[in-house]
Protein backbone atom coordinates (compact mmCIF):
# COMPACT_ATOMS: atom_id res chain seq x y z
CA MET A 1 101.48 108.75 99.73
CA LEU A 2 99.58 105.50 99.64
CA THR A 3 95.87 105.52 100.50
CA LEU A 4 94.08 102.37 101.61
CA VAL A 5 90.51 102.12 100.33
CA ILE A 6 88.40 99.87 102.57
CA GLY A 7 85.25 98.81 100.79
CA ALA A 8 86.95 99.14 97.42
CA ASN A 9 84.67 96.56 95.82
CA GLY A 10 81.54 98.50 96.79
CA LYS A 11 79.66 100.99 94.66
CA ILE A 12 81.40 104.04 96.11
CA GLY A 13 84.76 102.33 96.58
CA ARG A 14 84.97 101.30 92.93
CA ARG A 15 84.28 104.86 91.86
CA VAL A 16 86.99 106.11 94.22
CA CYS A 17 89.45 103.67 92.66
CA GLN A 18 88.43 104.55 89.13
CA GLN A 19 88.54 108.31 89.60
CA GLY A 20 91.63 108.23 91.81
CA SER A 21 93.63 106.04 89.47
CA ALA A 22 92.70 108.26 86.53
CA SER A 23 94.06 111.28 88.40
CA GLY A 24 97.31 109.51 89.29
CA MET A 25 96.68 108.88 93.00
CA GLN A 26 98.41 105.97 94.72
CA LEU A 27 95.64 103.72 95.98
CA LEU A 28 95.58 100.33 97.65
CA ALA A 29 92.23 98.58 97.32
CA MET A 30 91.27 96.22 100.14
CA VAL A 31 89.21 93.27 98.88
CA ARG A 32 87.80 90.23 100.68
CA ASN A 33 89.12 87.67 98.19
CA ALA A 34 91.42 87.40 95.18
CA GLU A 35 88.48 87.04 92.78
CA GLN A 36 87.53 90.67 93.47
CA ALA A 37 91.00 91.98 92.66
CA GLY A 38 91.07 91.64 88.88
CA ASP A 39 88.70 94.46 87.93
CA LEU A 40 90.38 96.88 90.31
CA GLU A 41 93.86 95.99 89.17
CA ALA A 42 92.70 96.58 85.61
CA LEU A 43 92.14 100.20 86.67
CA GLY A 44 95.79 100.42 87.70
CA VAL A 45 95.07 100.06 91.42
CA LYS A 46 97.07 97.79 93.70
CA THR A 47 95.05 95.37 95.82
CA VAL A 48 95.41 93.59 99.14
CA VAL A 49 93.26 90.70 100.34
CA ALA A 50 91.92 91.29 103.85
CA ASP A 51 88.60 90.90 105.65
CA LEU A 52 86.99 93.34 108.08
CA GLU A 53 85.51 90.38 109.93
CA ASP A 54 88.91 88.71 110.27
CA GLU A 55 92.55 89.84 110.22
CA PHE A 56 93.33 92.94 108.20
CA ALA A 57 96.21 94.73 109.95
CA HIS A 58 98.63 93.77 107.15
CA ALA A 59 96.61 95.93 104.74
CA PHE A 60 97.93 99.03 106.57
CA ASP A 61 101.59 98.33 105.77
CA GLY A 62 103.07 101.38 104.03
CA VAL A 63 99.78 103.31 104.16
CA SER A 64 99.53 107.01 105.07
CA LYS A 65 95.80 107.63 104.57
CA VAL A 66 92.65 105.53 104.88
CA VAL A 67 89.21 105.72 103.27
CA PHE A 68 86.46 103.75 104.99
CA THR A 69 83.51 103.22 102.68
CA ALA A 70 82.70 99.64 103.57
CA GLY A 71 79.17 98.47 104.30
CA SER A 72 77.33 95.23 104.89
CA GLY A 73 74.81 96.02 102.15
CA GLY A 74 71.07 96.35 102.13
CA HIS A 75 70.37 92.62 101.82
CA THR A 76 72.05 91.49 105.04
CA GLY A 77 70.72 91.34 108.57
CA ALA A 78 71.51 93.35 111.66
CA ASP A 79 74.26 90.91 112.61
CA LYS A 80 76.32 91.77 109.52
CA THR A 81 75.59 95.46 110.04
CA LEU A 82 77.11 95.24 113.51
CA MET A 83 80.12 93.25 112.32
CA VAL A 84 80.98 95.44 109.31
CA ASP A 85 79.48 98.91 109.69
CA LEU A 86 80.18 99.16 113.42
CA TYR A 87 82.81 96.71 114.66
CA GLY A 88 84.73 96.75 111.37
CA ALA A 89 84.81 100.54 111.48
CA VAL A 90 85.89 100.61 115.13
CA ARG A 91 88.71 98.14 114.51
CA THR A 92 89.83 100.15 111.49
CA ILE A 93 89.92 103.35 113.54
CA GLU A 94 91.93 101.59 116.24
CA GLU A 95 94.44 100.26 113.71
CA SER A 96 94.70 103.72 112.15
CA GLN A 97 95.48 105.23 115.53
CA HIS A 98 98.06 102.53 116.22
CA ARG A 99 99.73 103.14 112.85
CA GLY A 100 99.69 106.92 113.07
CA ILE A 101 97.55 107.35 109.95
CA GLU A 102 97.70 110.95 108.72
CA HIS A 103 94.13 111.27 107.46
CA PHE A 104 91.10 109.01 107.89
CA VAL A 105 88.10 109.68 105.63
CA MET A 106 84.90 108.04 106.82
CA VAL A 107 81.78 107.73 104.67
CA SER A 108 78.77 107.70 106.95
CA ALA A 109 75.15 108.71 106.35
CA LEU A 110 73.13 111.89 106.59
CA ASP A 111 70.97 111.99 109.73
CA ALA A 112 73.15 109.41 111.48
CA ASP A 113 72.95 111.61 114.57
CA HIS A 114 69.19 110.99 114.61
CA PRO A 115 68.88 107.28 113.78
CA PHE A 116 65.22 106.96 114.72
CA ALA A 117 63.99 110.22 113.22
CA HIS A 118 63.20 109.21 109.64
CA PHE A 119 64.51 105.70 109.06
CA PRO A 120 62.76 103.19 111.36
CA LYS A 121 63.27 100.31 108.92
CA ILE A 122 67.03 100.77 108.84
CA ALA A 123 67.51 101.83 112.45
CA PRO A 124 70.24 99.18 113.10
CA TYR A 125 72.24 100.55 110.16
CA MET A 126 71.84 104.16 111.29
CA LEU A 127 72.70 103.26 114.88
CA ALA A 128 75.84 101.49 113.68
CA LYS A 129 76.83 104.55 111.67
CA LYS A 130 76.23 106.88 114.62
CA ALA A 131 78.26 104.71 117.00
CA ALA A 132 81.15 104.44 114.51
CA ASP A 133 81.06 108.19 113.86
CA ASP A 134 81.13 108.93 117.59
CA TYR A 135 84.05 106.55 118.07
CA LEU A 136 86.01 108.27 115.30
CA ARG A 137 85.33 111.72 116.74
CA GLN A 138 86.55 110.61 120.15
CA SER A 139 89.72 109.00 118.76
CA GLN A 140 93.11 110.58 118.20
CA VAL A 141 92.95 109.96 114.44
CA PRO A 142 92.94 113.03 112.15
CA PHE A 143 89.72 112.63 110.21
CA THR A 144 87.14 113.96 107.80
CA LEU A 145 83.62 112.58 108.17
CA LEU A 146 81.44 112.70 105.06
CA ARG A 147 77.71 112.11 105.55
CA PRO A 148 75.92 111.96 102.19
CA GLY A 149 72.18 111.79 101.67
CA ILE A 150 70.30 108.94 100.00
CA LEU A 151 72.72 107.43 97.50
CA THR A 152 71.88 107.24 93.80
CA ASP A 153 73.59 106.00 90.64
CA ASP A 154 72.98 109.31 88.86
CA PRO A 155 75.93 110.73 86.91
CA GLY A 156 78.17 112.92 89.01
CA SER A 157 77.69 116.63 88.50
CA GLY A 158 80.80 117.65 90.43
CA LYS A 159 78.57 119.95 92.49
CA VAL A 160 77.22 119.45 96.00
CA SER A 161 75.75 121.38 98.89
CA THR A 162 75.84 121.39 102.67
CA SER A 163 72.59 123.34 102.81
CA PHE A 164 69.22 121.67 102.23
CA ALA A 165 65.63 121.58 103.39
CA ARG A 166 65.35 119.25 106.36
CA ASP A 167 61.92 118.01 105.29
CA GLY A 168 62.77 117.47 101.61
CA VAL A 169 64.30 114.55 99.73
CA LYS A 170 68.04 114.58 100.30
CA LYS A 171 69.99 112.66 97.66
CA MET A 172 73.57 112.40 96.46
CA SER A 173 75.10 110.52 93.57
CA ARG A 174 77.79 107.97 94.36
CA GLU A 175 80.03 109.57 91.76
CA ASN A 176 79.83 112.86 93.65
CA VAL A 177 80.59 111.07 96.93
CA ALA A 178 83.69 109.53 95.37
CA ALA A 179 84.77 112.91 94.04
CA CYS A 180 84.35 114.42 97.52
CA ILE A 181 86.47 111.66 99.04
CA LEU A 182 89.27 112.25 96.57
CA ALA A 183 89.13 116.03 96.95
CA THR A 184 89.25 115.60 100.73
CA LEU A 185 92.35 113.39 100.50
CA THR A 186 94.30 116.13 98.76
CA ARG A 187 93.86 118.44 101.75
CA PRO A 188 95.19 118.14 105.30
CA PRO A 189 92.56 117.14 107.87
CA VAL A 190 91.11 119.88 110.03
CA THR A 191 91.82 119.47 113.75
CA PRO A 192 89.86 118.16 115.63
CA GLY A 193 88.13 116.94 112.49
CA LYS A 194 85.60 118.07 109.92
CA VAL A 195 82.05 116.73 109.58
CA LEU A 196 80.25 117.46 106.30
CA ASP A 197 76.57 116.71 105.64
CA LEU A 198 76.27 116.52 101.87
CA VAL A 199 73.68 116.38 99.10
CA ASP A 200 73.82 117.06 95.39
CA GLY A 201 73.75 120.80 94.85
CA ASN A 202 75.18 123.75 92.97
CA GLN A 203 78.58 124.37 94.58
CA PRO A 204 81.64 122.89 92.89
CA ILE A 205 83.24 120.23 95.08
CA GLU A 206 86.70 121.78 94.87
CA GLU A 207 85.28 125.12 95.95
CA LEU A 208 83.33 123.66 98.85
CA LEU A 209 86.33 121.81 100.23
CA ALA A 210 88.85 124.59 99.62
């Protein structure tokens, strides 16, 4: 089964491609331009050039599963956040429904259901995530929704938790997020869909997702 990774050139997407390729998974990395393809192809991952802000339906040809881990980035304005994190996600969900995708894995953000609670400076980003999450949950696409805490570049421990203090610092390494994505892809989606709030913890990822 071929899995399309949207956002493959991002910090989580690259880790998904690296870990997935090493484990023998069939991945198709979606990149915005040909210049981004070389490093991913060097990992043994096929690539397709497509843009979330333009036409990308051809990237779904022959695909059974989709990972959405794209983001506009922290250095862009609210306009890009709307175009990529919200409208790009919505269009991807719609294309997945049209194509009959078997499993859609969305990477969102912890506390997306409460966009104004703790993150006033990034409220547009959190609002975009909430709206995209809600759209996915209301769609007919089989999905798993992963909502990690504050992302770090710490080495992956292979252990996470869904339990945490609400008033404490909630962090998760990108390597652990990637490992959760890949572990999720090896399992059938739960109907009507599973939502997991995640932080680094003490429970092995395979055990948590079993």
